Amino acid sequence: YVRGIAETLQNCKKYLTEDYHVFLVANDKFNLYSQIAQLADMQIVDQFKRPVLNRVEKDRGNAYMEIIFHLKEK
């Protein structure tokens, strides 16, 4: 998973402008995205956390935290 996401981010770079900003939304309960950013030669410059409360699934009782990662070139 980590390698696949990092490779996807690397492949996207050819379509981005020189001083790009990438915002990636993820449930990072395993703390993988700092490693993903590093493998993609990017850095996380900011994180925004918000709870996901309104869900369609039957298991609505278990809210989780969604993180929006702001990524830029290293």
PDB file of N, CA and C in Angstrom:
ATOM      1  N   TYR A   1       0.822  -1.195   0.000  1.00  0.00           N
ATOM      2  CA  TYR A   1       0.000   0.000   0.000  1.00  0.00           C
ATOM      3  C   TYR A   1       0.864   1.256   0.000  1.00  0.00           C
ATOM      4  N   VAL A   2       1.842   1.301   0.899  1.00  0.00           N
ATOM      5  CA  VAL A   2       2.713   2.474   1.031  1.00  0.00           C
ATOM      6  C   VAL A   2       3.441   2.746  -0.282  1.00  0.00           C
ATOM      7  N   ARG A   3       4.043   1.741  -0.829  1.00  0.00           N
ATOM      8  CA  ARG A   3       4.792   1.901  -2.077  1.00  0.00           C
ATOM      9  C   ARG A   3       3.865   2.310  -3.224  1.00  0.00           C
ATOM     10  N   GLY A   4       2.680   1.734  -3.290  1.00  0.00           N
ATOM     11  CA  GLY A   4       1.733   2.046  -4.358  1.00  0.00           C
ATOM     12  C   GLY A   4       1.272   3.492  -4.332  1.00  0.00           C
ATOM     13  N   ILE A   5       0.950   4.005  -3.154  1.00  0.00           N
ATOM     14  CA  ILE A   5       0.520   5.404  -3.033  1.00  0.00           C
ATOM     15  C   ILE A   5       1.690   6.335  -3.358  1.00  0.00           C
ATOM     16  N   ALA A   6       2.886   6.007  -2.874  1.00  0.00           N
ATOM     17  CA  ALA A   6       4.067   6.836  -3.155  1.00  0.00           C
ATOM     18  C   ALA A   6       4.359   6.870  -4.657  1.00  0.00           C
ATOM     19  N   GLU A   7       4.249   5.730  -5.328  1.00  0.00           N
ATOM     20  CA  GLU A   7       4.472   5.682  -6.774  1.00  0.00           C
ATOM     21  C   GLU A   7       3.410   6.485  -7.520  1.00  0.00           C
ATOM     22  N   THR A   8       2.182   6.430  -7.054  1.00  0.00           N
ATOM     23  CA  THR A   8       1.107   7.214  -7.670  1.00  0.00           C
ATOM     24  C   THR A   8       1.390   8.702  -7.543  1.00  0.00           C
ATOM     25  N   LEU A   9       1.829   9.136  -6.368  1.00  0.00           N
ATOM     26  CA  LEU A   9       2.173  10.546  -6.176  1.00  0.00           C
ATOM     27  C   LEU A   9       3.345  10.947  -7.072  1.00  0.00           C
ATOM     28  N   GLN A  10       4.338  10.078  -7.186  1.00  0.00           N
ATOM     29  CA  GLN A  10       5.484  10.351  -8.072  1.00  0.00           C
ATOM     30  C   GLN A  10       5.014  10.512  -9.519  1.00  0.00           C
ATOM     31  N   ASN A  11       4.120   9.633  -9.964  1.00  0.00           N
ATOM     32  CA  ASN A  11       3.621   9.692 -11.338  1.00  0.00           C
ATOM     33  C   ASN A  11       2.807  10.952 -11.593  1.00  0.00           C
ATOM     34  N   CYS A  12       2.120  11.449 -10.582  1.00  0.00           N
ATOM     35  CA  CYS A  12       1.301  12.663 -10.734  1.00  0.00           C
ATOM     36  C   CYS A  12       2.150  13.916 -10.904  1.00  0.00           C
ATOM     37  N   LYS A  13       3.372  13.899 -10.420  1.00  0.00           N
ATOM     38  CA  LYS A  13       4.219  15.099 -10.442  1.00  0.00           C
ATOM     39  C   LYS A  13       4.423  15.674 -11.836  1.00  0.00           C
ATOM     40  N   LYS A  14       4.464  14.825 -12.850  1.00  0.00           N
ATOM     41  CA  LYS A  14       4.695  15.325 -14.209  1.00  0.00           C
ATOM     42  C   LYS A  14       3.531  16.173 -14.721  1.00  0.00           C
ATOM     43  N   TYR A  15       2.379  16.097 -14.064  1.00  0.00           N
ATOM     44  CA  TYR A  15       1.212  16.880 -14.464  1.00  0.00           C
ATOM     45  C   TYR A  15       0.994  18.104 -13.577  1.00  0.00           C
ATOM     46  N   LEU A  16       1.830  18.281 -12.566  1.00  0.00           N
ATOM     47  CA  LEU A  16       1.673  19.380 -11.617  1.00  0.00           C
ATOM     48  C   LEU A  16       2.587  20.548 -11.989  1.00  0.00           C
ATOM     49  N   THR A  17       2.206  21.741 -11.551  1.00  0.00           N
ATOM     50  CA  THR A  17       3.059  22.907 -11.780  1.00  0.00           C
ATOM     51  C   THR A  17       4.280  22.836 -10.875  1.00  0.00           C
ATOM     52  N   GLU A  18       5.231  23.709 -11.119  1.00  0.00           N
ATOM     53  CA  GLU A  18       6.513  23.670 -10.402  1.00  0.00           C
ATOM     54  C   GLU A  18       6.342  23.794  -8.884  1.00  0.00           C
ATOM     55  N   ASP A  19       5.551  24.733  -8.441  1.00  0.00           N
ATOM     56  CA  ASP A  19       5.360  24.952  -6.998  1.00  0.00           C
ATOM     57  C   ASP A  19       3.987  24.419  -6.576  1.00  0.00           C
ATOM     58  N   TYR A  20       3.809  23.113  -6.747  1.00  0.00           N
ATOM     59  CA  TYR A  20       2.493  22.509  -6.536  1.00  0.00           C
ATOM     60  C   TYR A  20       2.124  22.373  -5.061  1.00  0.00           C
ATOM     61  N   HIS A  21       0.827  22.201  -4.847  1.00  0.00           N
ATOM     62  CA  HIS A  21       0.262  21.884  -3.535  1.00  0.00           C
ATOM     63  C   HIS A  21      -0.663  20.688  -3.747  1.00  0.00           C
ATOM     64  N   VAL A  22      -0.476  19.638  -2.969  1.00  0.00           N
ATOM     65  CA  VAL A  22      -1.336  18.461  -3.049  1.00  0.00           C
ATOM     66  C   VAL A  22      -2.035  18.317  -1.710  1.00  0.00           C
ATOM     67  N   PHE A  23      -3.348  18.122  -1.763  1.00  0.00           N
ATOM     68  CA  PHE A  23      -4.129  17.868  -0.558  1.00  0.00           C
ATOM     69  C   PHE A  23      -4.680  16.459  -0.672  1.00  0.00           C
ATOM     70  N   LEU A  24      -4.303  15.622   0.273  1.00  0.00           N
ATOM     71  CA  LEU A  24      -4.657  14.211   0.246  1.00  0.00           C
ATOM     72  C   LEU A  24      -5.475  13.900   1.494  1.00  0.00           C
ATOM     73  N   VAL A  25      -6.657  13.332   1.298  1.00  0.00           N
ATOM     74  CA  VAL A  25      -7.542  12.996   2.415  1.00  0.00           C
ATOM     75  C   VAL A  25      -7.391  11.514   2.717  1.00  0.00           C
ATOM     76  N   ALA A  26      -7.138  11.189   3.980  1.00  0.00           N
ATOM     77  CA  ALA A  26      -6.922   9.789   4.339  1.00  0.00           C
ATOM     78  C   ALA A  26      -7.297   9.534   5.790  1.00  0.00           C
ATOM     79  N   ASN A  27      -7.600   8.281   6.075  1.00  0.00           N
ATOM     80  CA  ASN A  27      -7.752   7.808   7.440  1.00  0.00           C
ATOM     81  C   ASN A  27      -6.413   7.156   7.774  1.00  0.00           C
ATOM     82  N   ASP A  28      -5.550   7.869   8.465  1.00  0.00           N
ATOM     83  CA  ASP A  28      -4.174   7.411   8.690  1.00  0.00           C
ATOM     84  C   ASP A  28      -3.998   6.815  10.080  1.00  0.00           C
ATOM     85  N   LYS A  29      -4.836   5.847  10.428  1.00  0.00           N
ATOM     86  CA  LYS A  29      -4.745   5.278  11.776  1.00  0.00           C
ATOM     87  C   LYS A  29      -3.461   4.479  11.998  1.00  0.00           C
ATOM     88  N   PHE A  30      -2.758   4.116  10.922  1.00  0.00           N
ATOM     89  CA  PHE A  30      -1.501   3.379  11.057  1.00  0.00           C
ATOM     90  C   PHE A  30      -0.280   4.272  10.843  1.00  0.00           C
ATOM     91  N   ASN A  31      -0.479   5.588  10.724  1.00  0.00           N
ATOM     92  CA  ASN A  31       0.611   6.563  10.567  1.00  0.00           C
ATOM     93  C   ASN A  31       1.549   6.220   9.407  1.00  0.00           C
ATOM     94  N   LEU A  32       0.965   5.998   8.242  1.00  0.00           N
ATOM     95  CA  LEU A  32       1.739   5.612   7.064  1.00  0.00           C
ATOM     96  C   LEU A  32       2.131   6.786   6.176  1.00  0.00           C
ATOM     97  N   TYR A  33       1.439   7.913   6.309  1.00  0.00           N
ATOM     98  CA  TYR A  33       1.600   8.960   5.304  1.00  0.00           C
ATOM     99  C   TYR A  33       2.890   9.762   5.424  1.00  0.00           C
ATOM    100  N   SER A  34       3.544   9.773   6.551  1.00  0.00           N
ATOM    101  CA  SER A  34       4.865  10.416   6.610  1.00  0.00           C
ATOM    102  C   SER A  34       5.865   9.595   5.800  1.00  0.00           C
ATOM    103  N   GLN A  35       5.761   8.280   5.867  1.00  0.00           N
ATOM    104  CA  GLN A  35       6.625   7.405   5.066  1.00  0.00           C
ATOM    105  C   GLN A  35       6.273   7.519   3.581  1.00  0.00           C
ATOM    106  N   ILE A  36       4.988   7.598   3.273  1.00  0.00           N
ATOM    107  CA  ILE A  36       4.555   7.747   1.882  1.00  0.00           C
ATOM    108  C   ILE A  36       5.112   9.038   1.298  1.00  0.00           C
ATOM    109  N   ALA A  37       4.997  10.134   2.045  1.00  0.00           N
ATOM    110  CA  ALA A  37       5.515  11.427   1.571  1.00  0.00           C
ATOM    111  C   ALA A  37       7.017  11.344   1.325  1.00  0.00           C
ATOM    112  N   GLN A  38       7.730  10.705   2.230  1.00  0.00           N
ATOM    113  CA  GLN A  38       9.183  10.581   2.090  1.00  0.00           C
ATOM    114  C   GLN A  38       9.546   9.780   0.836  1.00  0.00           C
ATOM    115  N   LEU A  39       8.864   8.667   0.607  1.00  0.00           N
ATOM    116  CA  LEU A  39       9.145   7.845  -0.574  1.00  0.00           C
ATOM    117  C   LEU A  39       8.795   8.567  -1.874  1.00  0.00           C
ATOM    118  N   ALA A  40       7.839   9.492  -1.808  1.00  0.00           N
ATOM    119  CA  ALA A  40       7.427  10.241  -2.996  1.00  0.00           C
ATOM    120  C   ALA A  40       8.244  11.517  -3.172  1.00  0.00           C
ATOM    121  N   ASP A  41       9.278  11.707  -2.360  1.00  0.00           N
ATOM    122  CA  ASP A  41      10.102  12.924  -2.379  1.00  0.00           C
ATOM    123  C   ASP A  41       9.263  14.172  -2.154  1.00  0.00           C
ATOM    124  N   MET A  42       8.342  14.065  -1.206  1.00  0.00           N
ATOM    125  CA  MET A  42       7.491  15.182  -0.814  1.00  0.00           C
ATOM    126  C   MET A  42       7.624  15.379   0.686  1.00  0.00           C
ATOM    127  N   GLN A  43       7.080  16.476   1.151  1.00  0.00           N
ATOM    128  CA  GLN A  43       7.039  16.711   2.588  1.00  0.00           C
ATOM    129  C   GLN A  43       5.629  17.122   2.981  1.00  0.00           C
ATOM    130  N   ILE A  44       5.235  16.719   4.169  1.00  0.00           N
ATOM    131  CA  ILE A  44       3.946  17.138   4.712  1.00  0.00           C
ATOM    132  C   ILE A  44       4.175  18.482   5.380  1.00  0.00           C
ATOM    133  N   VAL A  45       3.537  19.526   4.854  1.00  0.00           N
ATOM    134  CA  VAL A  45       3.739  20.864   5.410  1.00  0.00           C
ATOM    135  C   VAL A  45       2.648  21.231   6.410  1.00  0.00           C
ATOM    136  N   ASP A  46       1.530  20.509   6.368  1.00  0.00           N
ATOM    137  CA  ASP A  46       0.456  20.771   7.326  1.00  0.00           C
ATOM    138  C   ASP A  46      -0.500  19.589   7.340  1.00  0.00           C
ATOM    139  N   GLN A  47      -1.235  19.456   8.442  1.00  0.00           N
ATOM    140  CA  GLN A  47      -2.256  18.424   8.579  1.00  0.00           C
ATOM    141  C   GLN A  47      -3.487  19.052   9.197  1.00  0.00           C
ATOM    142  N   PHE A  48      -4.636  18.689   8.669  1.00  0.00           N
ATOM    143  CA  PHE A  48      -5.901  19.155   9.213  1.00  0.00           C
ATOM    144  C   PHE A  48      -6.696  17.923   9.613  1.00  0.00           C
ATOM    145  N   LYS A  49      -7.103  17.849  10.861  1.00  0.00           N
ATOM    146  CA  LYS A  49      -7.829  16.676  11.347  1.00  0.00           C
ATOM    147  C   LYS A  49      -9.288  17.035  11.581  1.00  0.00           C
ATOM    148  N   ARG A  50     -10.165  16.104  11.194  1.00  0.00           N
ATOM    149  CA  ARG A  50     -11.577  16.316  11.463  1.00  0.00           C
ATOM    150  C   ARG A  50     -12.250  14.971  11.670  1.00  0.00           C
ATOM    151  N   PRO A  51     -13.215  14.925  12.566  1.00  0.00           N
ATOM    152  CA  PRO A  51     -13.932  13.668  12.799  1.00  0.00           C
ATOM    153  C   PRO A  51     -14.933  13.406  11.674  1.00  0.00           C
ATOM    154  N   VAL A  52     -15.107  12.150  11.342  1.00  0.00           N
ATOM    155  CA  VAL A  52     -16.119  11.747  10.370  1.00  0.00           C
ATOM    156  C   VAL A  52     -17.285  11.205  11.182  1.00  0.00           C
ATOM    157  N   LEU A  53     -18.362  11.969  11.234  1.00  0.00           N
ATOM    158  CA  LEU A  53     -19.497  11.624  12.085  1.00  0.00           C
ATOM    159  C   LEU A  53     -20.681  11.067  11.300  1.00  0.00           C
ATOM    160  N   ASN A  54     -21.013  11.664  10.177  1.00  0.00           N
ATOM    161  CA  ASN A  54     -22.174  11.240   9.393  1.00  0.00           C
ATOM    162  C   ASN A  54     -21.750  10.215   8.357  1.00  0.00           C
ATOM    163  N   ARG A  55     -22.036   8.960   8.654  1.00  0.00           N
ATOM    164  CA  ARG A  55     -21.642   7.880   7.761  1.00  0.00           C
ATOM    165  C   ARG A  55     -22.871   7.106   7.323  1.00  0.00           C
ATOM    166  N   VAL A  56     -22.812   6.490   6.167  1.00  0.00           N
ATOM    167  CA  VAL A  56     -23.925   5.726   5.622  1.00  0.00           C
ATOM    168  C   VAL A  56     -23.921   4.297   6.164  1.00  0.00           C
ATOM    169  N   GLU A  57     -22.770   3.787   6.535  1.00  0.00           N
ATOM    170  CA  GLU A  57     -22.649   2.405   6.976  1.00  0.00           C
ATOM    171  C   GLU A  57     -23.519   2.127   8.197  1.00  0.00           C
ATOM    172  N   LYS A  58     -23.795   0.857   8.416  1.00  0.00           N
ATOM    173  CA  LYS A  58     -24.589   0.437   9.575  1.00  0.00           C
ATOM    174  C   LYS A  58     -23.887   0.766  10.881  1.00  0.00           C
ATOM    175  N   ASP A  59     -22.567   0.682  10.881  1.00  0.00           N
ATOM    176  CA  ASP A  59     -21.780   0.885  12.098  1.00  0.00           C
ATOM    177  C   ASP A  59     -21.485   2.371  12.290  1.00  0.00           C
ATOM    178  N   ARG A  60     -22.502   3.145  12.551  1.00  0.00           N
ATOM    179  CA  ARG A  60     -22.325   4.589  12.712  1.00  0.00           C
ATOM    180  C   ARG A  60     -21.733   4.961  14.066  1.00  0.00           C
ATOM    181  N   GLY A  61     -21.732   4.052  14.996  1.00  0.00           N
ATOM    182  CA  GLY A  61     -21.263   4.354  16.336  1.00  0.00           C
ATOM    183  C   GLY A  61     -19.770   4.591  16.435  1.00  0.00           C
ATOM    184  N   ASN A  62     -19.012   4.060  15.508  1.00  0.00           N
ATOM    185  CA  ASN A  62     -17.557   4.185  15.559  1.00  0.00           C
ATOM    186  C   ASN A  62     -17.083   5.316  14.650  1.00  0.00           C
ATOM    187  N   ALA A  63     -17.068   6.516  15.180  1.00  0.00           N
ATOM    188  CA  ALA A  63     -16.547   7.652  14.411  1.00  0.00           C
ATOM    189  C   ALA A  63     -15.032   7.507  14.300  1.00  0.00           C
ATOM    190  N   TYR A  64     -14.476   8.041  13.249  1.00  0.00           N
ATOM    191  CA  TYR A  64     -13.026   7.985  13.081  1.00  0.00           C
ATOM    192  C   TYR A  64     -12.517   9.347  12.648  1.00  0.00           C
ATOM    193  N   MET A  65     -11.220   9.511  12.687  1.00  0.00           N
ATOM    194  CA  MET A  65     -10.593  10.783  12.355  1.00  0.00           C
ATOM    195  C   MET A  65     -10.080  10.731  10.919  1.00  0.00           C
ATOM    196  N   GLU A  66     -10.445  11.734  10.158  1.00  0.00           N
ATOM    197  CA  GLU A  66      -9.967  11.885   8.793  1.00  0.00           C
ATOM    198  C   GLU A  66      -8.898  12.975   8.810  1.00  0.00           C
ATOM    199  N   ILE A  67      -7.817  12.758   8.088  1.00  0.00           N
ATOM    200  CA  ILE A  67      -6.734  13.734   8.058  1.00  0.00           C
ATOM    201  C   ILE A  67      -6.558  14.225   6.626  1.00  0.00           C
ATOM    202  N   ILE A  68      -6.463  15.528   6.475  1.00  0.00           N
ATOM    203  CA  ILE A  68      -6.165  16.129   5.180  1.00  0.00           C
ATOM    204  C   ILE A  68      -4.696  16.540   5.225  1.00  0.00           C
ATOM    205  N   PHE A  69      -3.885  15.891   4.394  1.00  0.00           N
ATOM    206  CA  PHE A  69      -2.453  16.170   4.347  1.00  0.00           C
ATOM    207  C   PHE A  69      -2.170  17.199   3.262  1.00  0.00           C
ATOM    208  N   HIS A  70      -1.401  18.216   3.604  1.00  0.00           N
ATOM    209  CA  HIS A  70      -0.941  19.215   2.634  1.00  0.00           C
ATOM    210  C   HIS A  70       0.496  18.845   2.293  1.00  0.00           C
ATOM    211  N   LEU A  71       0.716  18.442   1.054  1.00  0.00           N
ATOM    212  CA  LEU A  71       2.029  17.978   0.601  1.00  0.00           C
ATOM    213  C   LEU A  71       2.633  18.945  -0.405  1.00  0.00           C
ATOM    214  N   LYS A  72       3.953  19.075  -0.351  1.00  0.00           N
ATOM    215  CA  LYS A  72       4.711  19.880  -1.319  1.00  0.00           C
ATOM    216  C   LYS A  72       6.011  19.154  -1.634  1.00  0.00           C
ATOM    217  N   GLU A  73       6.697  19.661  -2.651  1.00  0.00           N
ATOM    218  CA  GLU A  73       8.008  19.108  -3.027  1.00  0.00           C
ATOM    219  C   GLU A  73       9.004  19.332  -1.893  1.00  0.00           C
ATOM    220  N   LYS A  74       9.919  18.392  -1.701  1.00  0.00           N
ATOM    221  CA  LYS A  74      10.971  18.538  -0.685  1.00  0.00           C
ATOM    222  C   LYS A  74      11.907  19.649  -1.050  1.00  0.00           C
TER     223      LYS A  74
END
